[in-house]
Amino acid sequence: MKIVHFSELGSDTREEMKGARWILLDQDDIKNALSAFMFAELDGVLVAVDHRKSPPEEGLWQRAVHLLLVSSSENAEEIRLKSGITKVISSDEASFEDYLW
């Protein structure tokens, strides 16, 4: 399974994402990831975001996300219901790899 990290992508985002199953982002990447979100949707790449530094703010970015990691102090089920994100995990120790499908 091909996994790409947004932080490691160069200037040709779509080409570098080709064939990937997942793209992984840190919450700080969200503001710069519009093209990655768009190409992920067009090309069938699943999106995972690590948002454990602070509570996630509502926004359109959530529509592109399939897996969200949040701090153990957050209510994962409440976030999942409000955001529509497929899987929200509340854990300070989990890694993406524990939950990718």
PDB file of N, CA and C in Angstrom:
ATOM      1  N   MET A   1       0.859  -1.176   0.000  1.00  0.00           N
ATOM      2  CA  MET A   1       0.000   0.000   0.000  1.00  0.00           C
ATOM      3  C   MET A   1       0.902   1.235   0.000  1.00  0.00           C
ATOM      4  N   LYS A   2       0.708   2.084  -0.988  1.00  0.00           N
ATOM      5  CA  LYS A   2       1.516   3.302  -1.104  1.00  0.00           C
ATOM      6  C   LYS A   2       0.933   4.395  -0.215  1.00  0.00           C
ATOM      7  N   ILE A   3       1.791   4.969   0.607  1.00  0.00           N
ATOM      8  CA  ILE A   3       1.408   6.043   1.517  1.00  0.00           C
ATOM      9  C   ILE A   3       2.332   7.226   1.252  1.00  0.00           C
ATOM     10  N   VAL A   4       1.757   8.420   1.081  1.00  0.00           N
ATOM     11  CA  VAL A   4       2.575   9.614   0.888  1.00  0.00           C
ATOM     12  C   VAL A   4       2.312  10.590   2.032  1.00  0.00           C
ATOM     13  N   HIS A   5       3.345  11.318   2.375  1.00  0.00           N
ATOM     14  CA  HIS A   5       3.240  12.352   3.410  1.00  0.00           C
ATOM     15  C   HIS A   5       3.201  13.704   2.713  1.00  0.00           C
ATOM     16  N   PHE A   6       2.223  14.511   3.029  1.00  0.00           N
ATOM     17  CA  PHE A   6       2.089  15.817   2.399  1.00  0.00           C
ATOM     18  C   PHE A   6       3.372  16.626   2.544  1.00  0.00           C
ATOM     19  N   SER A   7       3.988  16.561   3.697  1.00  0.00           N
ATOM     20  CA  SER A   7       5.190  17.353   3.962  1.00  0.00           C
ATOM     21  C   SER A   7       6.358  16.972   3.053  1.00  0.00           C
ATOM     22  N   GLU A   8       6.301  15.802   2.412  1.00  0.00           N
ATOM     23  CA  GLU A   8       7.390  15.345   1.552  1.00  0.00           C
ATOM     24  C   GLU A   8       7.092  15.558   0.064  1.00  0.00           C
ATOM     25  N   LEU A   9       5.912  16.089  -0.256  1.00  0.00           N
ATOM     26  CA  LEU A   9       5.555  16.309  -1.651  1.00  0.00           C
ATOM     27  C   LEU A   9       6.297  17.514  -2.210  1.00  0.00           C
ATOM     28  N   GLY A  10       6.639  17.417  -3.487  1.00  0.00           N
ATOM     29  CA  GLY A  10       7.298  18.530  -4.165  1.00  0.00           C
ATOM     30  C   GLY A  10       6.284  19.394  -4.876  1.00  0.00           C
ATOM     31  N   SER A  11       6.684  19.990  -5.965  1.00  0.00           N
ATOM     32  CA  SER A  11       5.824  20.939  -6.674  1.00  0.00           C
ATOM     33  C   SER A  11       4.771  20.265  -7.547  1.00  0.00           C
ATOM     34  N   ASP A  12       4.974  18.986  -7.920  1.00  0.00           N
ATOM     35  CA  ASP A  12       4.008  18.279  -8.758  1.00  0.00           C
ATOM     36  C   ASP A  12       3.173  17.338  -7.886  1.00  0.00           C
ATOM     37  N   THR A  13       2.303  17.939  -7.099  1.00  0.00           N
ATOM     38  CA  THR A  13       1.524  17.213  -6.093  1.00  0.00           C
ATOM     39  C   THR A  13       0.778  16.030  -6.689  1.00  0.00           C
ATOM     40  N   ARG A  14       0.046  16.262  -7.752  1.00  0.00           N
ATOM     41  CA  ARG A  14      -0.780  15.188  -8.307  1.00  0.00           C
ATOM     42  C   ARG A  14       0.064  14.016  -8.799  1.00  0.00           C
ATOM     43  N   GLU A  15       1.130  14.316  -9.479  1.00  0.00           N
ATOM     44  CA  GLU A  15       1.990  13.246 -10.004  1.00  0.00           C
ATOM     45  C   GLU A  15       2.583  12.422  -8.856  1.00  0.00           C
ATOM     46  N   GLU A  16       3.005  13.073  -7.809  1.00  0.00           N
ATOM     47  CA  GLU A  16       3.616  12.374  -6.682  1.00  0.00           C
ATOM     48  C   GLU A  16       2.597  11.571  -5.879  1.00  0.00           C
ATOM     49  N   MET A  17       1.317  11.934  -5.990  1.00  0.00           N
ATOM     50  CA  MET A  17       0.262  11.206  -5.283  1.00  0.00           C
ATOM     51  C   MET A  17      -0.266  10.025  -6.097  1.00  0.00           C
ATOM     52  N   LYS A  18       0.072   9.946  -7.373  1.00  0.00           N
ATOM     53  CA  LYS A  18      -0.447   8.881  -8.248  1.00  0.00           C
ATOM     54  C   LYS A  18      -0.153   7.505  -7.666  1.00  0.00           C
ATOM     55  N   GLY A  19      -1.189   6.689  -7.610  1.00  0.00           N
ATOM     56  CA  GLY A  19      -1.047   5.320  -7.132  1.00  0.00           C
ATOM     57  C   GLY A  19      -1.063   5.176  -5.627  1.00  0.00           C
ATOM     58  N   ALA A  20      -1.179   6.283  -4.913  1.00  0.00           N
ATOM     59  CA  ALA A  20      -1.192   6.216  -3.445  1.00  0.00           C
ATOM     60  C   ALA A  20      -2.564   5.780  -2.942  1.00  0.00           C
ATOM     61  N   ARG A  21      -2.564   5.072  -1.855  1.00  0.00           N
ATOM     62  CA  ARG A  21      -3.811   4.715  -1.167  1.00  0.00           C
ATOM     63  C   ARG A  21      -4.148   5.809  -0.148  1.00  0.00           C
ATOM     64  N   TRP A  22      -3.116   6.363   0.499  1.00  0.00           N
ATOM     65  CA  TRP A  22      -3.311   7.364   1.550  1.00  0.00           C
ATOM     66  C   TRP A  22      -2.363   8.543   1.356  1.00  0.00           C
ATOM     67  N   ILE A  23      -2.835   9.721   1.766  1.00  0.00           N
ATOM     68  CA  ILE A  23      -1.969  10.879   1.977  1.00  0.00           C
ATOM     69  C   ILE A  23      -2.135  11.275   3.437  1.00  0.00           C
ATOM     70  N   LEU A  24      -1.007  11.460   4.126  1.00  0.00           N
ATOM     71  CA  LEU A  24      -1.008  11.780   5.550  1.00  0.00           C
ATOM     72  C   LEU A  24      -0.593  13.221   5.749  1.00  0.00           C
ATOM     73  N   LEU A  25      -1.358  13.925   6.585  1.00  0.00           N
ATOM     74  CA  LEU A  25      -1.081  15.334   6.845  1.00  0.00           C
ATOM     75  C   LEU A  25      -1.049  15.605   8.340  1.00  0.00           C
ATOM     76  N   ASP A  26      -0.274  16.604   8.705  1.00  0.00           N
ATOM     77  CA  ASP A  26      -0.305  17.160  10.055  1.00  0.00           C
ATOM     78  C   ASP A  26      -1.306  18.315  10.014  1.00  0.00           C
ATOM     79  N   GLN A  27      -1.884  18.636  11.145  1.00  0.00           N
ATOM     80  CA  GLN A  27      -2.884  19.709  11.168  1.00  0.00           C
ATOM     81  C   GLN A  27      -2.340  21.024  10.630  1.00  0.00           C
ATOM     82  N   ASP A  28      -1.047  21.272  10.763  1.00  0.00           N
ATOM     83  CA  ASP A  28      -0.458  22.510  10.255  1.00  0.00           C
ATOM     84  C   ASP A  28      -0.388  22.543   8.728  1.00  0.00           C
ATOM     85  N   ASP A  29      -0.534  21.384   8.091  1.00  0.00           N
ATOM     86  CA  ASP A  29      -0.500  21.300   6.633  1.00  0.00           C
ATOM     87  C   ASP A  29      -1.834  21.691   5.985  1.00  0.00           C
ATOM     88  N   ILE A  30      -2.903  21.659   6.735  1.00  0.00           N
ATOM     89  CA  ILE A  30      -4.245  21.839   6.172  1.00  0.00           C
ATOM     90  C   ILE A  30      -4.356  23.102   5.333  1.00  0.00           C
ATOM     91  N   LYS A  31      -3.847  24.204   5.839  1.00  0.00           N
ATOM     92  CA  LYS A  31      -4.004  25.487   5.135  1.00  0.00           C
ATOM     93  C   LYS A  31      -3.293  25.517   3.779  1.00  0.00           C
ATOM     94  N   ASN A  32      -2.333  24.612   3.571  1.00  0.00           N
ATOM     95  CA  ASN A  32      -1.577  24.571   2.313  1.00  0.00           C
ATOM     96  C   ASN A  32      -1.937  23.368   1.441  1.00  0.00           C
ATOM     97  N   ALA A  33      -2.955  22.619   1.834  1.00  0.00           N
ATOM     98  CA  ALA A  33      -3.214  21.328   1.190  1.00  0.00           C
ATOM     99  C   ALA A  33      -4.423  21.306   0.257  1.00  0.00           C
ATOM    100  N   LEU A  34      -4.918  22.453  -0.153  1.00  0.00           N
ATOM    101  CA  LEU A  34      -6.116  22.472  -0.997  1.00  0.00           C
ATOM    102  C   LEU A  34      -5.940  21.628  -2.255  1.00  0.00           C
ATOM    103  N   SER A  35      -4.828  21.770  -2.949  1.00  0.00           N
ATOM    104  CA  SER A  35      -4.636  20.994  -4.178  1.00  0.00           C
ATOM    105  C   SER A  35      -4.526  19.499  -3.864  1.00  0.00           C
ATOM    106  N   ALA A  36      -3.878  19.146  -2.772  1.00  0.00           N
ATOM    107  CA  ALA A  36      -3.774  17.733  -2.391  1.00  0.00           C
ATOM    108  C   ALA A  36      -5.150  17.159  -2.078  1.00  0.00           C
ATOM    109  N   PHE A  37      -5.989  17.925  -1.392  1.00  0.00           N
ATOM    110  CA  PHE A  37      -7.352  17.466  -1.110  1.00  0.00           C
ATOM    111  C   PHE A  37      -8.124  17.258  -2.405  1.00  0.00           C
ATOM    112  N   MET A  38      -7.992  18.195  -3.336  1.00  0.00           N
ATOM    113  CA  MET A  38      -8.708  18.111  -4.601  1.00  0.00           C
ATOM    114  C   MET A  38      -8.246  16.889  -5.399  1.00  0.00           C
ATOM    115  N   PHE A  39      -6.938  16.700  -5.526  1.00  0.00           N
ATOM    116  CA  PHE A  39      -6.425  15.563  -6.279  1.00  0.00           C
ATOM    117  C   PHE A  39      -6.756  14.240  -5.584  1.00  0.00           C
ATOM    118  N   ALA A  40      -6.753  14.231  -4.260  1.00  0.00           N
ATOM    119  CA  ALA A  40      -7.124  13.017  -3.531  1.00  0.00           C
ATOM    120  C   ALA A  40      -8.552  12.617  -3.886  1.00  0.00           C
ATOM    121  N   GLU A  41      -9.439  13.581  -3.918  1.00  0.00           N
ATOM    122  CA  GLU A  41     -10.832  13.303  -4.268  1.00  0.00           C
ATOM    123  C   GLU A  41     -10.936  12.797  -5.702  1.00  0.00           C
ATOM    124  N   LEU A  42     -10.273  13.443  -6.622  1.00  0.00           N
ATOM    125  CA  LEU A  42     -10.343  13.061  -8.036  1.00  0.00           C
ATOM    126  C   LEU A  42      -9.726  11.693  -8.304  1.00  0.00           C
ATOM    127  N   ASP A  43      -8.653  11.366  -7.596  1.00  0.00           N
ATOM    128  CA  ASP A  43      -7.890  10.157  -7.887  1.00  0.00           C
ATOM    129  C   ASP A  43      -8.136   9.011  -6.907  1.00  0.00           C
ATOM    130  N   GLY A  44      -9.060   9.187  -5.965  1.00  0.00           N
ATOM    131  CA  GLY A  44      -9.405   8.103  -5.045  1.00  0.00           C
ATOM    132  C   GLY A  44      -8.385   7.838  -3.956  1.00  0.00           C
ATOM    133  N   VAL A  45      -7.648   8.857  -3.556  1.00  0.00           N
ATOM    134  CA  VAL A  45      -6.670   8.721  -2.475  1.00  0.00           C
ATOM    135  C   VAL A  45      -7.358   9.094  -1.165  1.00  0.00           C
ATOM    136  N   LEU A  46      -7.191   8.266  -0.153  1.00  0.00           N
ATOM    137  CA  LEU A  46      -7.778   8.546   1.161  1.00  0.00           C
ATOM    138  C   LEU A  46      -6.887   9.528   1.924  1.00  0.00           C
ATOM    139  N   VAL A  47      -7.509  10.355   2.764  1.00  0.00           N
ATOM    140  CA  VAL A  47      -6.812  11.425   3.479  1.00  0.00           C
ATOM    141  C   VAL A  47      -6.875  11.182   4.983  1.00  0.00           C
ATOM    142  N   ALA A  48      -5.721  11.276   5.633  1.00  0.00           N
ATOM    143  CA  ALA A  48      -5.634  11.162   7.091  1.00  0.00           C
ATOM    144  C   ALA A  48      -4.944  12.408   7.634  1.00  0.00           C
ATOM    145  N   VAL A  49      -5.482  12.939   8.753  1.00  0.00           N
ATOM    146  CA  VAL A  49      -4.932  14.143   9.371  1.00  0.00           C
ATOM    147  C   VAL A  49      -4.667  13.881  10.854  1.00  0.00           C
ATOM    148  N   ASP A  50      -3.462  14.228  11.290  1.00  0.00           N
ATOM    149  CA  ASP A  50      -3.120  14.186  12.709  1.00  0.00           C
ATOM    150  C   ASP A  50      -3.413  15.569  13.275  1.00  0.00           C
ATOM    151  N   HIS A  51      -4.442  15.654  14.104  1.00  0.00           N
ATOM    152  CA  HIS A  51      -4.888  16.950  14.642  1.00  0.00           C
ATOM    153  C   HIS A  51      -4.862  16.908  16.168  1.00  0.00           C
ATOM    154  N   ARG A  52      -3.751  16.431  16.732  1.00  0.00           N
ATOM    155  CA  ARG A  52      -3.676  16.267  18.187  1.00  0.00           C
ATOM    156  C   ARG A  52      -3.082  17.450  18.931  1.00  0.00           C
ATOM    157  N   LYS A  53      -2.590  18.452  18.211  1.00  0.00           N
ATOM    158  CA  LYS A  53      -1.998  19.610  18.890  1.00  0.00           C
ATOM    159  C   LYS A  53      -3.052  20.540  19.468  1.00  0.00           C
ATOM    160  N   SER A  54      -4.223  20.569  18.842  1.00  0.00           N
ATOM    161  CA  SER A  54      -5.324  21.430  19.298  1.00  0.00           C
ATOM    162  C   SER A  54      -6.634  20.853  18.790  1.00  0.00           C
ATOM    163  N   PRO A  55      -7.748  21.246  19.378  1.00  0.00           N
ATOM    164  CA  PRO A  55      -9.044  20.735  18.903  1.00  0.00           C
ATOM    165  C   PRO A  55      -9.277  21.134  17.444  1.00  0.00           C
ATOM    166  N   PRO A  56      -9.829  20.234  16.637  1.00  0.00           N
ATOM    167  CA  PRO A  56     -10.069  20.570  15.230  1.00  0.00           C
ATOM    168  C   PRO A  56     -11.179  21.608  15.081  1.00  0.00           C
ATOM    169  N   GLU A  57     -10.915  22.583  14.236  1.00  0.00           N
ATOM    170  CA  GLU A  57     -11.931  23.586  13.928  1.00  0.00           C
ATOM    171  C   GLU A  57     -12.728  23.099  12.733  1.00  0.00           C
ATOM    172  N   GLU A  58     -14.027  23.378  12.738  1.00  0.00           N
ATOM    173  CA  GLU A  58     -14.869  22.974  11.623  1.00  0.00           C
ATOM    174  C   GLU A  58     -14.437  23.712  10.369  1.00  0.00           C
ATOM    175  N   GLY A  59     -14.557  23.040   9.240  1.00  0.00           N
ATOM    176  CA  GLY A  59     -14.212  23.662   7.976  1.00  0.00           C
ATOM    177  C   GLY A  59     -14.424  22.701   6.827  1.00  0.00           C
ATOM    178  N   LEU A  60     -14.347  23.223   5.629  1.00  0.00           N
ATOM    179  CA  LEU A  60     -14.530  22.399   4.438  1.00  0.00           C
ATOM    180  C   LEU A  60     -13.484  21.299   4.333  1.00  0.00           C
ATOM    181  N   TRP A  61     -12.318  21.505   4.908  1.00  0.00           N
ATOM    182  CA  TRP A  61     -11.253  20.508   4.857  1.00  0.00           C
ATOM    183  C   TRP A  61     -11.729  19.160   5.394  1.00  0.00           C
ATOM    184  N   GLN A  62     -12.670  19.183   6.330  1.00  0.00           N
ATOM    185  CA  GLN A  62     -13.141  17.938   6.944  1.00  0.00           C
ATOM    186  C   GLN A  62     -13.860  17.041   5.939  1.00  0.00           C
ATOM    187  N   ARG A  63     -14.421  17.630   4.888  1.00  0.00           N
ATOM    188  CA  ARG A  63     -15.125  16.840   3.873  1.00  0.00           C
ATOM    189  C   ARG A  63     -14.178  15.917   3.104  1.00  0.00           C
ATOM    190  N   ALA A  64     -12.897  16.259   3.082  1.00  0.00           N
ATOM    191  CA  ALA A  64     -11.916  15.469   2.339  1.00  0.00           C
ATOM    192  C   ALA A  64     -11.266  14.383   3.192  1.00  0.00           C
ATOM    193  N   VAL A  65     -11.493  14.415   4.501  1.00  0.00           N
ATOM    194  CA  VAL A  65     -10.761  13.554   5.437  1.00  0.00           C
ATOM    195  C   VAL A  65     -11.520  12.253   5.711  1.00  0.00           C
ATOM    196  N   HIS A  66     -10.762  11.157   5.714  1.00  0.00           N
ATOM    197  CA  HIS A  66     -11.328   9.837   6.007  1.00  0.00           C
ATOM    198  C   HIS A  66     -10.922   9.338   7.392  1.00  0.00           C
ATOM    199  N   LEU A  67      -9.759   9.785   7.859  1.00  0.00           N
ATOM    200  CA  LEU A  67      -9.245   9.371   9.163  1.00  0.00           C
ATOM    201  C   LEU A  67      -8.671  10.592   9.865  1.00  0.00           C
ATOM    202  N   LEU A  68      -9.126  10.822  11.093  1.00  0.00           N
ATOM    203  CA  LEU A  68      -8.671  11.971  11.884  1.00  0.00           C
ATOM    204  C   LEU A  68      -8.191  11.478  13.234  1.00  0.00           C
ATOM    205  N   LEU A  69      -6.956  11.821  13.574  1.00  0.00           N
ATOM    206  CA  LEU A  69      -6.441  11.529  14.916  1.00  0.00           C
ATOM    207  C   LEU A  69      -6.562  12.789  15.755  1.00  0.00           C
ATOM    208  N   VAL A  70      -7.172  12.657  16.930  1.00  0.00           N
ATOM    209  CA  VAL A  70      -7.323  13.789  17.850  1.00  0.00           C
ATOM    210  C   VAL A  70      -6.774  13.392  19.214  1.00  0.00           C
ATOM    211  N   SER A  71      -6.566  14.372  20.047  1.00  0.00           N
ATOM    212  CA  SER A  71      -6.056  14.153  21.395  1.00  0.00           C
ATOM    213  C   SER A  71      -7.040  13.299  22.202  1.00  0.00           C
ATOM    214  N   SER A  72      -6.499  12.579  23.160  1.00  0.00           N
ATOM    215  CA  SER A  72      -7.357  11.735  24.006  1.00  0.00           C
ATOM    216  C   SER A  72      -8.327  12.561  24.843  1.00  0.00           C
ATOM    217  N   SER A  73      -8.097  13.861  24.941  1.00  0.00           N
ATOM    218  CA  SER A  73      -9.029  14.719  25.685  1.00  0.00           C
ATOM    219  C   SER A  73     -10.253  15.093  24.843  1.00  0.00           C
ATOM    220  N   GLU A  74     -10.242  14.754  23.541  1.00  0.00           N
ATOM    221  CA  GLU A  74     -11.360  15.070  22.642  1.00  0.00           C
ATOM    222  C   GLU A  74     -12.342  13.903  22.577  1.00  0.00           C
ATOM    223  N   ASN A  75     -13.601  14.197  22.315  1.00  0.00           N
ATOM    224  CA  ASN A  75     -14.632  13.188  22.162  1.00  0.00           C
ATOM    225  C   ASN A  75     -14.703  12.786  20.686  1.00  0.00           C
ATOM    226  N   ALA A  76     -14.091  11.662  20.359  1.00  0.00           N
ATOM    227  CA  ALA A  76     -13.987  11.221  18.969  1.00  0.00           C
ATOM    228  C   ALA A  76     -15.354  11.006  18.331  1.00  0.00           C
ATOM    229  N   GLU A  77     -16.277  10.408  19.045  1.00  0.00           N
ATOM    230  CA  GLU A  77     -17.594  10.126  18.474  1.00  0.00           C
ATOM    231  C   GLU A  77     -18.355  11.411  18.177  1.00  0.00           C
ATOM    232  N   GLU A  78     -18.255  12.374  19.051  1.00  0.00           N
ATOM    233  CA  GLU A  78     -18.917  13.670  18.813  1.00  0.00           C
ATOM    234  C   GLU A  78     -18.339  14.351  17.569  1.00  0.00           C
ATOM    235  N   ILE A  79     -17.028  14.333  17.441  1.00  0.00           N
ATOM    236  CA  ILE A  79     -16.378  14.935  16.271  1.00  0.00           C
ATOM    237  C   ILE A  79     -16.795  14.198  15.009  1.00  0.00           C
ATOM    238  N   ARG A  80     -16.825  12.873  15.067  1.00  0.00           N
ATOM    239  CA  ARG A  80     -17.216  12.080  13.904  1.00  0.00           C
ATOM    240  C   ARG A  80     -18.638  12.412  13.461  1.00  0.00           C
ATOM    241  N   LEU A  81     -19.548  12.511  14.407  1.00  0.00           N
ATOM    242  CA  LEU A  81     -20.946  12.807  14.075  1.00  0.00           C
ATOM    243  C   LEU A  81     -21.118  14.215  13.499  1.00  0.00           C
ATOM    244  N   LYS A  82     -20.389  15.184  14.044  1.00  0.00           N
ATOM    245  CA  LYS A  82     -20.503  16.563  13.567  1.00  0.00           C
ATOM    246  C   LYS A  82     -19.822  16.777  12.224  1.00  0.00           C
ATOM    247  N   SER A  83     -18.720  16.075  11.999  1.00  0.00           N
ATOM    248  CA  SER A  83     -17.903  16.341  10.817  1.00  0.00           C
ATOM    249  C   SER A  83     -18.217  15.433   9.631  1.00  0.00           C
ATOM    250  N   GLY A  84     -18.713  14.239   9.915  1.00  0.00           N
ATOM    251  CA  GLY A  84     -18.936  13.275   8.850  1.00  0.00           C
ATOM    252  C   GLY A  84     -17.686  12.506   8.459  1.00  0.00           C
ATOM    253  N   ILE A  85     -16.602  12.691   9.180  1.00  0.00           N
ATOM    254  CA  ILE A  85     -15.359  11.965   8.909  1.00  0.00           C
ATOM    255  C   ILE A  85     -15.585  10.489   9.243  1.00  0.00           C
ATOM    256  N   THR A  86     -15.141   9.619   8.364  1.00  0.00           N
ATOM    257  CA  THR A  86     -15.392   8.182   8.496  1.00  0.00           C
ATOM    258  C   THR A  86     -14.896   7.618   9.816  1.00  0.00           C
ATOM    259  N   LYS A  87     -13.649   7.915  10.169  1.00  0.00           N
ATOM    260  CA  LYS A  87     -13.076   7.354  11.393  1.00  0.00           C
ATOM    261  C   LYS A  87     -12.315   8.440  12.141  1.00  0.00           C
ATOM    262  N   VAL A  88     -12.700   8.663  13.399  1.00  0.00           N
ATOM    263  CA  VAL A  88     -12.017   9.616  14.261  1.00  0.00           C
ATOM    264  C   VAL A  88     -11.481   8.840  15.458  1.00  0.00           C
ATOM    265  N   ILE A  89     -10.200   8.951  15.698  1.00  0.00           N
ATOM    266  CA  ILE A  89      -9.536   8.221  16.777  1.00  0.00           C
ATOM    267  C   ILE A  89      -9.025   9.210  17.809  1.00  0.00           C
ATOM    268  N   SER A  90      -9.394   8.978  19.055  1.00  0.00           N
ATOM    269  CA  SER A  90      -8.965   9.826  20.168  1.00  0.00           C
ATOM    270  C   SER A  90      -7.865   9.095  20.937  1.00  0.00           C
ATOM    271  N   SER A  91      -6.624   9.508  20.705  1.00  0.00           N
ATOM    272  CA  SER A  91      -5.487   8.858  21.352  1.00  0.00           C
ATOM    273  C   SER A  91      -4.263   9.747  21.232  1.00  0.00           C
ATOM    274  N   ASP A  92      -3.523   9.844  22.317  1.00  0.00           N
ATOM    275  CA  ASP A  92      -2.286  10.617  22.290  1.00  0.00           C
ATOM    276  C   ASP A  92      -1.102   9.768  21.832  1.00  0.00           C
ATOM    277  N   GLU A  93      -1.294   8.466  21.710  1.00  0.00           N
ATOM    278  CA  GLU A  93      -0.179   7.577  21.400  1.00  0.00           C
ATOM    279  C   GLU A  93      -0.320   6.839  20.079  1.00  0.00           C
ATOM    280  N   ALA A  94      -1.481   6.829  19.488  1.00  0.00           N
ATOM    281  CA  ALA A  94      -1.706   6.076  18.250  1.00  0.00           C
ATOM    282  C   ALA A  94      -0.916   6.685  17.096  1.00  0.00           C
ATOM    283  N   SER A  95      -0.626   5.853  16.117  1.00  0.00           N
ATOM    284  CA  SER A  95      -0.012   6.342  14.890  1.00  0.00           C
ATOM    285  C   SER A  95      -0.985   6.073  13.739  1.00  0.00           C
ATOM    286  N   PHE A  96      -0.786   6.769  12.638  1.00  0.00           N
ATOM    287  CA  PHE A  96      -1.643   6.546  11.472  1.00  0.00           C
ATOM    288  C   PHE A  96      -1.675   5.076  11.093  1.00  0.00           C
ATOM    289  N   GLU A  97      -0.526   4.468  11.088  1.00  0.00           N
ATOM    290  CA  GLU A  97      -0.392   3.095  10.611  1.00  0.00           C
ATOM    291  C   GLU A  97      -1.280   2.118  11.377  1.00  0.00           C
ATOM    292  N   ASP A  98      -1.632   2.455  12.614  1.00  0.00           N
ATOM    293  CA  ASP A  98      -2.505   1.596  13.411  1.00  0.00           C
ATOM    294  C   ASP A  98      -3.924   1.540  12.863  1.00  0.00           C
ATOM    295  N   TYR A  99      -4.317   2.524  12.054  1.00  0.00           N
ATOM    296  CA  TYR A  99      -5.710   2.644  11.653  1.00  0.00           C
ATOM    297  C   TYR A  99      -5.961   2.732  10.148  1.00  0.00           C
ATOM    298  N   LEU A 100      -4.943   2.719   9.334  1.00  0.00           N
ATOM    299  CA  LEU A 100      -5.136   2.786   7.892  1.00  0.00           C
ATOM    300  C   LEU A 100      -5.791   1.507   7.402  1.00  0.00           C
ATOM    301  N   TRP A 101      -6.620   1.631   6.397  1.00  0.00           N
ATOM    302  CA  TRP A 101      -7.257   0.447   5.814  1.00  0.00           C
ATOM    303  C   TRP A 101      -7.074   0.439   4.315  1.00  0.00           C
TER     304      TRP A 101
END
